[in-house]
Structure formats: C-alpha cells, structure tokens
C-alpha cells in the first residue's frame, strides 16, 4: 500500500518533473497477473494438448515465470492441470493467490478437477484452503452452461485490472495454451483473445513447443496413467443463462410522501426515466417500476453505468421540497452483473430475466447511500 501510494504521487509529479519519472522507475510495484491455462488431458481426448507426462515441464515453465515476477498478485481458476500448477508455484513462494470459481464447488470438482484423476481433487482442496481469497462468479450449479466459465474469465480479467489500477501498475496475463487447437467459450484461448483486444501484453507458455521437446517426450510414461473420469453433462432447465447487467433503484424517504404529492412525484420522477434513456441512446432489455422502485436489465455494463449516473444526476437536480419531501431526499442505485435466465413472462407477455443474480442485485439496493451509485465487485470487474 505504501509503495502504491508513492507510485501514484510520483506518477502525478512526473507530468511536470522528469526526475519523478526516473524515481518511479526505481520503485517497482508488485506484478498483477491474470492467469488462464488448459486442463490436463482426459483419456478420451482425440488429440493430445496437455498430456499428463508433460506436467513437470509445464510446472517448470510456470515456476520460471513466477520466479521472474516476484512479488506477485494473481487471479486464476483452479482446474486440474495448468491452474493448479500455477497456484502451487505461487503458494510455494508465499505469493497472493486469488481464485475465481465459475459455479458451486461440488459441480466445479466434477467438471474441472476430477477429469484429471482423483489426486487432482486433493491438490485442488489444498490450493483452495491456502488461497488468499476465493470468489464465486455464481454460487449456483453448473447445469451444463458454459456461460458461467465465460463470466468467471471476465471476472478474473476485470479483478486484475482493478487491482493493478489500485496499485498503480499495469496488469499482465500469463497463459498456458496450445495455440494450434481450438478452444471453447470461457476457455484459455477465448480469454487470451479478450485480453489482447484491450491492447494488453500476454505471455504464452506454448504446450506444443514443450511437447515437441525430445527431453520432455522422453519422460512420457508408456502406461500407468492416473485413472480419470469423464464428467457427466447436466441439462439446463428452460434454456441457458446469459451475462446481463442489473439495476435496482428507489427513492430513500418515499414512505414519508404525503398523499397529495403522489401525482406530482410520479409525473416528475418516472418521467425522468424515459427521458434519460432517450438522452443517452440506450434501450434496456427489460424495465419496470413499482411505486418509487425501478428495475432494469441491460445488455452491457457500459449502458447500465451510463443510465445510472445520468439518472442519478437528473434526480439530484429535482426540487424535492416542492413535493413535500426533505431536500436531502435522493435516489439510491445498485448495479450488479451476472448470468441470468430469460423467458417470456406468461402474465405480461414480455421478456423477463430471473435467477440468483437478480435476487442478489435486489439485496444490494437497500444499503446504498442516497445520492450514490453502488456497484458490486463483479459489475466493476465486468465493466
């Protein structure tokens, strides 16, 4: 924290004094790294990508990168193979490990740990117990929905960006990947592509190059691979989930509004909502009001943030005293992002979004300070 404070001050001074930039170069901050890597191969994988006999070579390559980046703060999943090897290297050097799991632990073990064999489960549990923090992208079950892996990947990258900004350093990414093979949603190659679009540097440990090394290939066991299981797929009930940004808002003190002021309140307050949407050129996927409450669902966090800040400013300029309310009366807004279900509401015949993350967003709103927009860490990371 002290180093981060010094770096922020020196960065400010460097705009007017070149000596400050030279001093800044002599006070390096910690490295903040987002990590993603392939799982170890299962027996039924048609084309080898990360065969078990390559484990020691991959660990050595990861450990060399970790040793060159100390002190280090890392964000990663904890799947069998690259993730756990990365975590083990960090923990052996007493570095900070922040793990993001895409869904409930039991399902994650079945989908992303047990396929490598039972010994990986014990290693997973040790890594989880020793981690600095464990965050769940969603606490709900997997249900065969790969969107949850994508959401976890977004959080890992966003949390690394936020932490790096806090410490006044540039975030980095390290991946263990076979660039010659295709990847799936939320996988290593998709994560690498997303990171690269932000013009951020990526260090790649290439599995194809490691596997082609005769020294590594010579150590490949002829048999006695660990027993591994194929993870069973689960069915998604009612369709899959998609990542959406959720807004809940209400007016603190509304319950004290006298009856005669209700018409003016609704005309003025609710009239600001469509006007704000028109001003910023955004159309929510779903929006509804109830009394002083407002609920909206947006496709992107950018749209939700723009709407929240613009509406908050407009409401702040309202003449509350003219409606019989205290002058300090203000809107409080909560924003959250996460995977939710969507379907046509049988009653209203309109698109409706629902799920655990909608409930979570609703629970945040009552604790917001009036006049403020409070976002959850997942929303900040995705934004």
Protein backbone atom coordinates (compact mmCIF):
# COMPACT_ATOMS: atom_id res chain seq x y z
CA UNK A 1 0.00 0.00 0.00
CA UNK A 2 2.81 2.42 0.82
CA UNK A 3 4.57 1.59 -2.44
CA UNK A 4 1.34 2.10 -4.38
CA UNK A 5 0.84 5.49 -2.72
CA UNK A 6 4.39 6.58 -3.60
CA UNK A 7 3.93 5.43 -7.19
CA UNK A 8 0.68 7.41 -7.55
CA UNK A 9 2.35 10.56 -6.20
CA UNK A 10 5.39 10.14 -8.44
CA UNK A 11 3.20 9.50 -11.48
CA UNK A 12 1.37 12.77 -10.76
CA UNK A 13 4.64 14.67 -10.30
CA UNK A 14 6.12 13.15 -13.46
CA UNK A 15 3.76 15.28 -15.56
CA UNK A 16 5.82 18.33 -14.59
CA UNK A 17 9.18 16.96 -13.43
CA UNK A 18 11.23 14.35 -15.37
CA UNK A 19 13.08 13.39 -12.16
CA UNK A 20 9.84 11.99 -10.78
CA UNK A 21 9.60 9.54 -13.71
CA UNK A 22 13.18 8.36 -13.03
CA UNK A 23 12.30 7.86 -9.39
CA UNK A 24 9.14 5.98 -10.38
CA UNK A 25 11.25 3.56 -12.43
CA UNK A 26 13.27 2.77 -9.31
CA UNK A 27 10.21 1.91 -7.21
CA UNK A 28 8.56 -1.02 -8.98
CA UNK A 29 5.16 -2.11 -7.78
CA UNK A 30 4.00 -5.71 -7.41
CA UNK A 31 3.12 -7.61 -10.60
CA UNK A 32 -0.60 -8.26 -11.03
CA UNK A 33 -1.21 -11.28 -13.26
CA UNK A 34 -4.39 -12.81 -14.64
CA UNK A 35 -3.79 -16.48 -15.45
CA UNK A 36 -5.50 -18.98 -17.70
CA UNK A 37 -4.35 -22.40 -18.82
CA UNK A 38 -5.55 -25.65 -20.35
CA UNK A 39 -6.71 -28.54 -18.23
CA UNK A 40 -4.72 -31.75 -18.28
CA UNK A 41 -5.92 -34.17 -20.97
CA UNK A 42 -8.50 -36.85 -20.29
CA UNK A 43 -8.02 -40.35 -21.69
CA UNK A 44 -10.66 -39.85 -24.37
CA UNK A 45 -9.26 -36.59 -25.79
CA UNK A 46 -8.85 -37.28 -29.54
CA UNK A 47 -5.79 -35.02 -29.98
CA UNK A 48 -3.25 -34.50 -27.20
CA UNK A 49 -2.98 -30.97 -25.88
CA UNK A 50 -1.72 -31.24 -22.28
CA UNK A 51 -0.82 -34.91 -21.77
CA UNK A 52 -0.09 -35.95 -18.16
CA UNK A 53 3.56 -36.74 -18.95
CA UNK A 54 4.10 -33.04 -19.69
CA UNK A 55 3.12 -31.95 -16.16
CA UNK A 56 6.65 -31.47 -14.81
CA UNK A 57 7.75 -29.49 -17.84
CA UNK A 58 4.70 -27.21 -17.59
CA UNK A 59 5.26 -26.67 -13.88
CA UNK A 60 8.90 -25.77 -14.55
CA UNK A 61 7.90 -23.25 -17.22
CA UNK A 62 5.25 -21.71 -14.95
CA UNK A 63 7.60 -21.57 -11.97
CA UNK A 64 10.24 -19.79 -14.04
CA UNK A 65 7.70 -17.12 -14.97
CA UNK A 66 6.58 -16.77 -11.35
CA UNK A 67 10.15 -16.50 -10.07
CA UNK A 68 10.85 -13.68 -12.53
CA UNK A 69 7.75 -11.71 -11.48
CA UNK A 70 8.06 -11.52 -7.68
CA UNK A 71 6.33 -10.03 -5.75
CA UNK A 72 3.19 -11.21 -7.48
CA UNK A 73 -0.58 -10.95 -7.07
CA UNK A 74 -2.52 -13.46 -9.14
CA UNK A 75 -6.09 -14.13 -10.25
CA UNK A 76 -6.99 -17.54 -11.66
CA UNK A 77 -9.36 -20.51 -11.64
CA UNK A 78 -8.29 -23.80 -10.09
CA UNK A 79 -8.89 -26.53 -12.66
CA UNK A 80 -6.77 -29.65 -12.90
CA UNK A 81 -3.63 -29.02 -14.90
CA UNK A 82 -2.30 -25.52 -15.58
CA UNK A 83 -4.40 -23.64 -13.00
CA UNK A 84 -3.45 -25.80 -10.05
CA UNK A 85 0.21 -25.92 -11.12
CA UNK A 86 0.21 -22.10 -11.24
CA UNK A 87 -1.37 -21.89 -7.79
CA UNK A 88 1.09 -24.41 -6.34
CA UNK A 89 4.04 -22.42 -7.67
CA UNK A 90 2.69 -19.20 -6.17
CA UNK A 91 1.89 -20.74 -2.80
CA UNK A 92 5.33 -22.36 -2.59
CA UNK A 93 6.74 -18.84 -2.85
CA UNK A 94 4.20 -17.33 -0.42
CA UNK A 95 2.59 -15.13 -3.05
CA UNK A 96 -1.00 -13.86 -3.13
CA UNK A 97 -3.43 -16.20 -4.91
CA UNK A 98 -6.99 -15.08 -5.66
CA UNK A 99 -9.17 -17.86 -7.04
CA UNK A 100 -12.38 -17.32 -9.00
CA UNK A 101 -14.69 -20.33 -9.37
CA UNK A 102 -17.42 -20.14 -12.02
CA UNK A 103 -20.08 -22.03 -10.01
CA UNK A 104 -20.71 -24.24 -6.96
CA UNK A 105 -17.68 -26.17 -5.67
CA UNK A 106 -19.13 -29.67 -5.98
CA UNK A 107 -20.06 -29.13 -9.63
CA UNK A 108 -16.70 -27.49 -10.33
CA UNK A 109 -14.84 -30.51 -8.97
CA UNK A 110 -16.88 -32.82 -11.23
CA UNK A 111 -16.41 -30.66 -14.34
CA UNK A 112 -12.93 -29.20 -13.98
CA UNK A 113 -10.92 -31.16 -11.40
CA UNK A 114 -11.95 -34.82 -11.26
CA UNK A 115 -11.49 -35.37 -15.03
CA UNK A 116 -7.74 -35.24 -14.38
CA UNK A 117 -7.94 -38.02 -11.79
CA UNK A 118 -8.62 -38.30 -8.06
CA UNK A 119 -5.17 -36.96 -6.97
CA UNK A 120 -6.05 -33.59 -8.53
CA UNK A 121 -9.03 -33.26 -6.19
CA UNK A 122 -6.76 -33.39 -3.13
CA UNK A 123 -4.45 -30.82 -4.73
CA UNK A 124 -7.45 -28.61 -5.54
CA UNK A 125 -8.61 -28.71 -1.92
CA UNK A 126 -5.13 -27.80 -0.64
CA UNK A 127 -4.88 -24.87 -3.07
CA UNK A 128 -8.36 -23.63 -2.16
CA UNK A 129 -7.61 -23.78 1.56
CA UNK A 130 -4.36 -21.82 1.16
CA UNK A 131 -5.64 -19.18 -1.27
CA UNK A 132 -5.80 -15.53 -0.20
CA UNK A 133 -9.38 -15.31 -1.46
CA UNK A 134 -11.97 -17.45 -3.21
CA UNK A 135 -14.68 -15.70 -5.23
CA UNK A 136 -17.67 -17.39 -6.86
CA UNK A 137 -18.75 -15.96 -10.19
CA UNK A 138 -22.05 -17.55 -9.32
CA UNK A 139 -22.89 -19.72 -6.33
CA UNK A 140 -25.47 -21.68 -8.28
CA UNK A 141 -24.96 -25.01 -10.09
CA UNK A 142 -23.33 -25.54 -13.48
CA UNK A 143 -26.31 -27.09 -15.33
CA UNK A 144 -24.15 -27.63 -18.41
CA UNK A 145 -23.99 -23.87 -19.03
CA UNK A 146 -20.58 -22.75 -20.36
CA UNK A 147 -21.62 -19.10 -19.99
CA UNK A 148 -20.55 -19.46 -16.36
CA UNK A 149 -16.97 -20.16 -17.46
CA UNK A 150 -17.07 -17.03 -19.61
CA UNK A 151 -18.32 -14.98 -16.66
CA UNK A 152 -15.53 -16.32 -14.43
CA UNK A 153 -12.98 -15.44 -17.11
CA UNK A 154 -14.37 -11.90 -17.31
CA UNK A 155 -14.14 -11.52 -13.53
CA UNK A 156 -10.55 -12.77 -13.41
CA UNK A 157 -9.51 -10.23 -16.02
CA UNK A 158 -11.56 -7.38 -14.55
CA UNK A 159 -10.39 -8.00 -10.98
CA UNK A 160 -6.79 -7.97 -12.19
CA UNK A 161 -7.40 -4.65 -13.96
CA UNK A 162 -8.97 -3.13 -10.83
CA UNK A 163 -6.20 -4.35 -8.52
CA UNK A 164 -3.48 -3.13 -10.88
CA UNK A 165 -5.11 0.30 -11.09
CA UNK A 166 -5.26 0.44 -7.29
CA UNK A 167 -1.54 -0.33 -7.09
CA UNK A 168 -0.61 1.99 -9.99
CA UNK A 169 0.87 -0.81 -12.11
CA UNK A 170 -0.01 -2.37 -15.48
CA UNK A 171 -1.90 -5.70 -15.37
CA UNK A 172 -0.39 -8.71 -17.12
CA UNK A 173 -1.62 -12.06 -18.37
CA UNK A 174 0.09 -15.45 -18.40
CA UNK A 175 -1.45 -18.35 -20.32
CA UNK A 176 -0.57 -21.99 -20.83
CA UNK A 177 -2.02 -22.83 -24.21
CA UNK A 178 -1.73 -24.82 -27.40
CA UNK A 179 -2.37 -22.12 -29.98
CA UNK A 180 -2.78 -24.73 -32.74
CA UNK A 181 -6.02 -26.11 -31.28
CA UNK A 182 -9.45 -24.52 -30.97
CA UNK A 183 -10.91 -23.52 -27.62
CA UNK A 184 -14.38 -23.20 -26.13
CA UNK A 185 -16.41 -20.45 -24.51
CA UNK A 186 -14.64 -19.04 -21.47
CA UNK A 187 -11.57 -21.17 -22.19
CA UNK A 188 -7.92 -20.18 -22.32
CA UNK A 189 -7.79 -19.13 -25.97
CA UNK A 190 -11.00 -17.08 -25.65
CA UNK A 191 -9.62 -15.41 -22.53
CA UNK A 192 -6.35 -14.63 -24.29
CA UNK A 193 -8.23 -13.09 -27.21
CA UNK A 194 -10.34 -10.90 -24.92
CA UNK A 195 -7.26 -9.69 -23.06
CA UNK A 196 -5.41 -8.95 -26.29
CA UNK A 197 -8.30 -6.79 -27.52
CA UNK A 198 -7.56 -4.47 -24.59
CA UNK A 199 -4.05 -3.98 -26.01
CA UNK A 200 -2.55 -5.77 -23.03
CA UNK A 201 0.53 -7.95 -23.26
CA UNK A 202 0.22 -11.72 -22.93
CA UNK A 203 3.00 -14.15 -22.04
CA UNK A 204 2.35 -17.60 -23.51
CA UNK A 205 3.75 -20.93 -22.37
CA UNK A 206 3.22 -22.96 -25.54
CA UNK A 207 2.24 -26.57 -24.87
CA UNK A 208 3.01 -27.54 -28.46
CA UNK A 209 6.62 -26.39 -28.09
CA UNK A 210 7.04 -28.10 -24.71
CA UNK A 211 5.56 -31.34 -26.08
CA UNK A 212 7.89 -31.27 -29.09
CA UNK A 213 10.97 -31.06 -26.88
CA UNK A 214 12.67 -34.51 -27.06
CA UNK A 215 13.83 -34.20 -23.44
CA UNK A 216 10.23 -33.88 -22.25
CA UNK A 217 8.88 -36.53 -24.60
CA UNK A 218 11.47 -39.00 -23.38
CA UNK A 219 9.91 -38.84 -19.92
CA UNK A 220 6.46 -39.84 -21.17
CA UNK A 221 5.27 -42.99 -19.34
CA UNK A 222 4.28 -45.91 -21.51
CA UNK A 223 1.36 -46.77 -19.26
CA UNK A 224 0.07 -46.28 -15.70
CA UNK A 225 -1.72 -43.04 -16.46
CA UNK A 226 -3.86 -41.99 -13.47
CA UNK A 227 -7.44 -43.17 -13.63
CA UNK A 228 -9.61 -40.33 -14.91
CA UNK A 229 -13.32 -39.98 -15.37
CA UNK A 230 -15.45 -38.28 -17.98
CA UNK A 231 -17.50 -35.50 -16.39
CA UNK A 232 -21.23 -36.06 -16.90
CA UNK A 233 -23.17 -33.27 -18.58
CA UNK A 234 -26.20 -31.76 -16.89
CA UNK A 235 -29.24 -30.33 -18.59
CA UNK A 236 -30.15 -26.67 -18.37
CA UNK A 237 -33.79 -26.33 -17.37
CA UNK A 238 -35.57 -23.75 -19.52
CA UNK A 239 -32.57 -22.70 -21.59
CA UNK A 240 -29.13 -21.35 -20.79
CA UNK A 241 -28.02 -18.23 -18.95
CA UNK A 242 -26.53 -15.07 -20.41
CA UNK A 243 -24.49 -12.36 -18.70
CA UNK A 244 -26.54 -9.23 -18.09
CA UNK A 245 -26.21 -6.02 -16.07
CA UNK A 246 -28.93 -5.45 -13.48
CA UNK A 247 -30.11 -2.19 -11.92
CA UNK A 248 -32.29 -1.68 -8.85
CA UNK A 249 -33.16 1.80 -7.59
CA UNK A 250 -35.55 3.53 -5.21
CA UNK A 251 -36.04 6.89 -3.53
CA UNK A 252 -34.97 6.93 0.09
CA UNK A 253 -37.72 8.54 2.19
CA UNK A 254 -40.53 7.81 -0.27
CA UNK A 255 -42.63 6.27 2.50
CA UNK A 256 -42.96 9.72 4.08
CA UNK A 257 -44.55 11.22 0.96
CA UNK A 258 -47.96 12.75 1.66
CA UNK A 259 -50.89 11.55 -0.44
CA UNK A 260 -51.44 14.87 -2.20
CA UNK A 261 -47.89 14.84 -3.61
CA UNK A 262 -48.14 11.41 -5.27
CA UNK A 263 -49.29 12.64 -8.72
CA UNK A 264 -46.52 15.24 -8.95
CA UNK A 265 -43.92 12.71 -7.77
CA UNK A 266 -44.81 10.08 -10.33
CA UNK A 267 -45.10 12.54 -13.18
CA UNK A 268 -41.74 14.12 -12.35
CA UNK A 269 -39.66 11.17 -11.15
CA UNK A 270 -40.84 8.46 -13.53
CA UNK A 271 -40.85 10.94 -16.39
CA UNK A 272 -37.10 11.25 -15.98
CA UNK A 273 -36.56 7.57 -16.81
CA UNK A 274 -37.63 7.53 -20.49
CA UNK A 275 -36.08 10.96 -20.97
CA UNK A 276 -32.75 9.71 -19.62
CA UNK A 277 -32.84 6.62 -21.84
CA UNK A 278 -33.55 8.81 -24.85
CA UNK A 279 -30.76 11.25 -23.96
CA UNK A 280 -28.08 8.55 -23.75
CA UNK A 281 -29.47 6.45 -26.61
CA UNK A 282 -29.89 3.24 -24.62
CA UNK A 283 -32.76 0.77 -24.59
CA UNK A 284 -32.87 -1.75 -21.72
CA UNK A 285 -33.85 -5.34 -22.36
CA UNK A 286 -36.39 -5.09 -19.53
CA UNK A 287 -37.57 -2.22 -17.36
CA UNK A 288 -40.34 -1.84 -14.81
CA UNK A 289 -41.39 0.43 -11.95
CA UNK A 290 -43.35 -0.10 -8.77
CA UNK A 291 -44.01 2.90 -6.58
CA UNK A 292 -40.65 4.58 -6.18
CA UNK A 293 -38.80 1.44 -7.23
CA UNK A 294 -37.11 0.89 -10.56
CA UNK A 295 -35.74 -2.33 -12.05
CA UNK A 296 -33.89 -2.56 -15.36
CA UNK A 297 -31.81 -5.12 -17.25
CA UNK A 298 -29.12 -4.05 -19.73
CA UNK A 299 -27.12 -5.96 -22.29
CA UNK A 300 -23.83 -4.33 -21.30
CA UNK A 301 -22.37 -2.80 -18.12
CA UNK A 302 -21.49 0.35 -20.08
CA UNK A 303 -25.17 1.00 -20.80
CA UNK A 304 -26.19 0.31 -17.21
CA UNK A 305 -23.50 2.60 -15.80
CA UNK A 306 -24.34 5.45 -18.20
CA UNK A 307 -28.03 5.21 -17.34
CA UNK A 308 -27.41 5.02 -13.59
CA UNK A 309 -25.11 8.04 -13.45
CA UNK A 310 -27.23 10.16 -15.77
CA UNK A 311 -30.46 9.36 -13.94
CA UNK A 312 -28.84 9.97 -10.54
CA UNK A 313 -27.67 13.42 -11.66
CA UNK A 314 -31.13 14.27 -13.02
CA UNK A 315 -32.89 13.17 -9.86
CA UNK A 316 -30.36 15.12 -7.79
CA UNK A 317 -31.49 18.28 -9.53
CA UNK A 318 -35.17 17.74 -8.62
CA UNK A 319 -36.98 20.16 -6.29
CA UNK A 320 -37.97 17.68 -3.59
CA UNK A 321 -39.24 20.39 -1.24
CA UNK A 322 -41.90 21.30 -3.80
CA UNK A 323 -43.26 17.76 -3.39
CA UNK A 324 -43.29 17.88 0.39
CA UNK A 325 -40.14 15.80 0.84
CA UNK A 326 -36.89 16.72 2.64
CA UNK A 327 -34.33 18.44 0.42
CA UNK A 328 -31.80 15.64 1.10
CA UNK A 329 -34.14 13.06 -0.44
CA UNK A 330 -32.33 11.26 -3.24
CA UNK A 331 -32.23 8.20 -5.45
CA UNK A 332 -30.12 5.20 -4.47
CA UNK A 333 -28.99 2.86 -7.24
CA UNK A 334 -27.37 -0.59 -7.15
CA UNK A 335 -25.69 -2.28 -10.12
CA UNK A 336 -24.68 -5.92 -10.44
CA UNK A 337 -23.68 -8.19 -13.33
CA UNK A 338 -24.06 -11.92 -13.67
CA UNK A 339 -25.53 -14.83 -15.65
CA UNK A 340 -29.34 -14.89 -15.59
CA UNK A 341 -32.15 -16.81 -17.26
CA UNK A 342 -34.57 -15.09 -19.62
CA UNK A 343 -38.02 -16.07 -20.84
CA UNK A 344 -41.38 -14.59 -21.83
CA UNK A 345 -43.44 -13.80 -18.75
CA UNK A 346 -46.71 -15.79 -19.10
CA UNK A 347 -48.65 -12.99 -17.38
CA UNK A 348 -47.26 -9.84 -19.03
CA UNK A 349 -46.16 -11.50 -22.28
CA UNK A 350 -42.92 -9.53 -22.04
CA UNK A 351 -39.31 -10.68 -21.78
CA UNK A 352 -38.38 -11.35 -18.16
CA UNK A 353 -34.99 -12.03 -16.54
CA UNK A 354 -34.65 -14.09 -13.40
CA UNK A 355 -32.25 -16.16 -11.31
CA UNK A 356 -29.99 -15.93 -8.30
CA UNK A 357 -28.12 -12.88 -9.56
CA UNK A 358 -31.33 -10.85 -9.88
CA UNK A 359 -32.06 -11.61 -6.23
CA UNK A 360 -28.52 -10.64 -5.28
CA UNK A 361 -28.80 -7.31 -7.08
CA UNK A 362 -32.07 -6.54 -5.30
CA UNK A 363 -30.46 -7.16 -1.93
CA UNK A 364 -27.69 -4.63 -2.60
CA UNK A 365 -30.00 -1.67 -3.25
CA UNK A 366 -31.25 -1.12 0.36
CA UNK A 367 -27.70 -0.47 1.65
CA UNK A 368 -26.82 2.20 -0.92
CA UNK A 369 -26.17 5.71 0.39
CA UNK A 370 -28.80 8.07 -1.07
CA UNK A 371 -27.37 10.01 -3.99
CA UNK A 372 -24.83 7.31 -4.79
CA UNK A 373 -24.50 4.51 -7.34
CA UNK A 374 -23.11 1.39 -5.67
CA UNK A 375 -21.74 -1.43 -7.81
CA UNK A 376 -20.79 -4.93 -6.79
CA UNK A 377 -17.26 -6.21 -7.42
CA UNK A 378 -18.48 -8.45 -10.29
CA UNK A 379 -20.07 -5.44 -12.00
CA UNK A 380 -16.91 -3.35 -11.57
CA UNK A 381 -14.80 -6.21 -12.94
CA UNK A 382 -17.02 -6.80 -15.98
CA UNK A 383 -17.22 -3.06 -16.67
